[in-house]
C-alpha cells in the first residue's frame, strides 16, 4: 500500500471536488437523466458520494472538523 502524504491527499481532494462538480453539472443536469427518475437518483447518489469523499479527505488533509465549504 502506498504511503499517505500531503501531496497524495491533496490530489485526491482535488479530483473528488472536480468529479463531484462534473457529475452534478454535466450528468445530473442532463435532460435525459432529468427525464428518468431512476437515472437521476443514481447520478445524484454518485455526486453525493464524491462530495462525501471530498469532505472525508478534506477533514484529514486539512486537519479541521471535517467540513469544507462547497464554494
N, C-alpha and C. Protein backbone atom coordinates (compact mmCIF):
# COMPACT_ATOMS: atom_id res chain seq x y z
N UNK A 1 0.85 -1.18 0.00
CA UNK A 1 0.00 0.00 0.00
C UNK A 1 0.90 1.24 0.00
N UNK A 2 0.59 2.22 -0.88
CA UNK A 2 1.40 3.44 -0.91
C UNK A 2 1.27 4.22 0.40
N UNK A 3 2.34 4.90 0.75
CA UNK A 3 2.33 5.73 1.96
C UNK A 3 1.45 6.96 1.74
N UNK A 4 0.71 7.35 2.77
CA UNK A 4 -0.12 8.55 2.69
C UNK A 4 0.78 9.77 2.89
N UNK A 5 0.59 10.77 2.05
CA UNK A 5 1.32 12.02 2.22
C UNK A 5 0.42 13.19 1.82
N UNK A 6 0.86 14.39 2.16
CA UNK A 6 0.04 15.57 1.87
C UNK A 6 -0.21 15.75 0.39
N UNK A 7 0.79 15.48 -0.43
CA UNK A 7 0.63 15.65 -1.87
C UNK A 7 -0.43 14.70 -2.43
N UNK A 8 -0.37 13.45 -2.01
CA UNK A 8 -1.36 12.47 -2.48
C UNK A 8 -2.76 12.80 -2.00
N UNK A 9 -2.88 13.21 -0.74
CA UNK A 9 -4.21 13.58 -0.22
C UNK A 9 -4.74 14.81 -0.94
N UNK A 10 -3.86 15.77 -1.23
CA UNK A 10 -4.31 16.96 -1.94
C UNK A 10 -4.81 16.59 -3.33
N UNK A 11 -4.12 15.66 -4.00
CA UNK A 11 -4.55 15.22 -5.32
C UNK A 11 -5.93 14.55 -5.25
N UNK A 12 -6.14 13.69 -4.25
CA UNK A 12 -7.44 13.05 -4.08
C UNK A 12 -8.51 14.10 -3.77
N UNK A 13 -8.19 15.06 -2.92
CA UNK A 13 -9.12 16.13 -2.58
C UNK A 13 -9.53 16.90 -3.83
N UNK A 14 -8.56 17.25 -4.64
CA UNK A 14 -8.84 17.99 -5.88
C UNK A 14 -9.72 17.19 -6.83
N UNK A 15 -9.37 15.93 -7.05
CA UNK A 15 -10.13 15.11 -8.00
C UNK A 15 -11.54 14.82 -7.50
N UNK A 16 -11.70 14.60 -6.20
CA UNK A 16 -13.05 14.36 -5.67
C UNK A 16 -13.92 15.60 -5.87
N UNK A 17 -13.35 16.77 -5.64
CA UNK A 17 -14.09 18.02 -5.86
C UNK A 17 -14.43 18.19 -7.33
N UNK A 18 -13.45 18.02 -8.19
CA UNK A 18 -13.65 18.18 -9.63
C UNK A 18 -14.71 17.21 -10.14
N UNK A 19 -14.59 15.94 -9.77
CA UNK A 19 -15.53 14.94 -10.27
C UNK A 19 -16.93 15.14 -9.70
N UNK A 20 -17.04 15.53 -8.45
CA UNK A 20 -18.35 15.81 -7.86
C UNK A 20 -19.06 16.92 -8.63
N UNK A 21 -18.32 18.00 -8.90
CA UNK A 21 -18.91 19.12 -9.65
C UNK A 21 -19.25 18.70 -11.08
N UNK A 22 -18.37 17.93 -11.72
CA UNK A 22 -18.61 17.49 -13.10
C UNK A 22 -19.84 16.60 -13.17
N UNK A 23 -19.95 15.65 -12.26
CA UNK A 23 -21.12 14.76 -12.26
C UNK A 23 -22.39 15.57 -12.01
N UNK A 24 -22.33 16.48 -11.04
CA UNK A 24 -23.51 17.29 -10.72
C UNK A 24 -23.94 18.16 -11.90
N UNK A 25 -22.99 18.80 -12.56
CA UNK A 25 -23.36 19.73 -13.63
C UNK A 25 -23.55 19.07 -14.98
N UNK A 26 -22.72 18.10 -15.32
CA UNK A 26 -22.77 17.50 -16.64
C UNK A 26 -23.67 16.28 -16.74
N UNK A 27 -23.84 15.57 -15.65
CA UNK A 27 -24.64 14.35 -15.68
C UNK A 27 -26.00 14.54 -15.01
N UNK A 28 -26.00 15.03 -13.79
CA UNK A 28 -27.27 15.19 -13.07
C UNK A 28 -28.21 16.17 -13.77
N UNK A 29 -27.64 17.16 -14.44
CA UNK A 29 -28.46 18.18 -15.11
C UNK A 29 -28.77 17.84 -16.56
N UNK A 30 -28.27 16.73 -17.05
CA UNK A 30 -28.54 16.34 -18.44
C UNK A 30 -30.03 16.03 -18.61
N UNK A 31 -30.61 16.46 -19.73
CA UNK A 31 -32.04 16.30 -19.97
C UNK A 31 -32.48 14.84 -19.91
N UNK A 32 -31.68 13.93 -20.44
CA UNK A 32 -32.05 12.51 -20.43
C UNK A 32 -32.05 11.95 -19.01
N UNK A 33 -31.12 12.40 -18.20
CA UNK A 33 -31.07 11.96 -16.80
C UNK A 33 -32.23 12.57 -16.03
N UNK A 34 -32.50 13.84 -16.28
CA UNK A 34 -33.62 14.53 -15.62
C UNK A 34 -34.95 13.86 -15.93
N UNK A 35 -35.07 13.31 -17.11
CA UNK A 35 -36.33 12.70 -17.55
C UNK A 35 -36.54 11.29 -16.99
N UNK A 36 -35.51 10.70 -16.41
CA UNK A 36 -35.62 9.33 -15.91
C UNK A 36 -35.32 9.32 -14.41
N UNK A 37 -36.34 9.16 -13.56
CA UNK A 37 -36.14 9.23 -12.11
C UNK A 37 -35.10 8.25 -11.57
N UNK A 38 -35.01 7.06 -12.15
CA UNK A 38 -34.01 6.09 -11.68
C UNK A 38 -32.59 6.58 -12.00
N UNK A 39 -32.40 7.06 -13.21
CA UNK A 39 -31.08 7.58 -13.58
C UNK A 39 -30.73 8.80 -12.74
N UNK A 40 -31.71 9.67 -12.53
CA UNK A 40 -31.48 10.88 -11.73
C UNK A 40 -31.05 10.52 -10.32
N UNK A 41 -31.72 9.54 -9.72
CA UNK A 41 -31.35 9.11 -8.36
C UNK A 41 -29.93 8.55 -8.33
N UNK A 42 -29.58 7.75 -9.34
CA UNK A 42 -28.23 7.19 -9.40
C UNK A 42 -27.17 8.27 -9.61
N UNK A 43 -27.44 9.19 -10.50
CA UNK A 43 -26.49 10.28 -10.76
C UNK A 43 -26.34 11.16 -9.52
N UNK A 44 -27.45 11.48 -8.86
CA UNK A 44 -27.38 12.27 -7.63
C UNK A 44 -26.58 11.54 -6.56
N UNK A 45 -26.78 10.23 -6.46
CA UNK A 45 -26.04 9.43 -5.48
C UNK A 45 -24.54 9.45 -5.78
N UNK A 46 -24.19 9.38 -7.05
CA UNK A 46 -22.77 9.43 -7.43
C UNK A 46 -22.15 10.77 -7.04
N UNK A 47 -22.85 11.85 -7.33
CA UNK A 47 -22.34 13.18 -6.98
C UNK A 47 -22.23 13.33 -5.46
N UNK A 48 -23.22 12.85 -4.73
CA UNK A 48 -23.19 12.94 -3.28
C UNK A 48 -22.07 12.09 -2.68
N UNK A 49 -21.83 10.92 -3.25
CA UNK A 49 -20.74 10.06 -2.76
C UNK A 49 -19.38 10.71 -2.99
N UNK A 50 -19.20 11.32 -4.16
CA UNK A 50 -17.95 12.01 -4.42
C UNK A 50 -17.77 13.20 -3.48
N UNK A 51 -18.85 13.91 -3.18
CA UNK A 51 -18.76 15.03 -2.25
C UNK A 51 -18.45 14.53 -0.83
N UNK A 52 -19.01 13.40 -0.44
CA UNK A 52 -18.70 12.81 0.87
C UNK A 52 -17.22 12.42 0.94
N UNK A 53 -16.69 11.88 -0.15
CA UNK A 53 -15.26 11.57 -0.20
C UNK A 53 -14.44 12.84 -0.04
N UNK A 54 -14.82 13.89 -0.73
CA UNK A 54 -14.13 15.18 -0.62
C UNK A 54 -14.13 15.66 0.84
N UNK A 55 -15.27 15.58 1.49
CA UNK A 55 -15.37 16.01 2.88
C UNK A 55 -14.48 15.16 3.79
N UNK A 56 -14.47 13.84 3.59
CA UNK A 56 -13.67 12.94 4.42
C UNK A 56 -12.18 13.21 4.24
N UNK A 57 -11.74 13.34 2.98
CA UNK A 57 -10.33 13.60 2.72
C UNK A 57 -9.95 14.98 3.23
N UNK A 58 -10.82 15.95 3.01
CA UNK A 58 -10.53 17.31 3.47
C UNK A 58 -10.38 17.39 4.98
N UNK A 59 -11.20 16.66 5.69
CA UNK A 59 -11.10 16.66 7.15
C UNK A 59 -9.76 16.11 7.61
N UNK A 60 -9.26 15.11 6.92
CA UNK A 60 -7.96 14.53 7.24
C UNK A 60 -6.83 15.42 6.74
N UNK A 61 -6.94 15.86 5.51
CA UNK A 61 -5.88 16.63 4.86
C UNK A 61 -5.69 18.00 5.51
N UNK A 62 -6.78 18.65 5.84
CA UNK A 62 -6.68 20.00 6.39
C UNK A 62 -6.67 19.99 7.92
N UNK A 63 -7.01 18.86 8.52
CA UNK A 63 -6.98 18.75 9.97
C UNK A 63 -8.05 19.58 10.67
N UNK A 64 -9.15 19.86 9.98
CA UNK A 64 -10.20 20.66 10.60
C UNK A 64 -11.30 19.74 11.12
N UNK A 65 -12.50 20.27 11.25
CA UNK A 65 -13.61 19.49 11.81
C UNK A 65 -14.26 18.57 10.78
N UNK A 66 -13.69 18.50 9.57
CA UNK A 66 -14.23 17.61 8.54
C UNK A 66 -15.24 18.26 7.65
N UNK A 67 -15.49 19.56 7.82
CA UNK A 67 -16.46 20.25 6.99
C UNK A 67 -15.73 21.27 6.12
N UNK A 68 -15.93 21.17 4.82
CA UNK A 68 -15.31 22.07 3.88
C UNK A 68 -16.40 22.76 3.08
N UNK A 69 -16.27 24.05 2.90
CA UNK A 69 -17.26 24.79 2.13
C UNK A 69 -17.28 24.30 0.69
N UNK A 70 -18.48 24.17 0.12
CA UNK A 70 -18.61 23.68 -1.25
C UNK A 70 -18.32 24.77 -2.26
N UNK A 71 -18.17 25.98 -1.85
CA UNK A 71 -17.92 27.09 -2.79
C UNK A 71 -16.49 27.16 -3.22
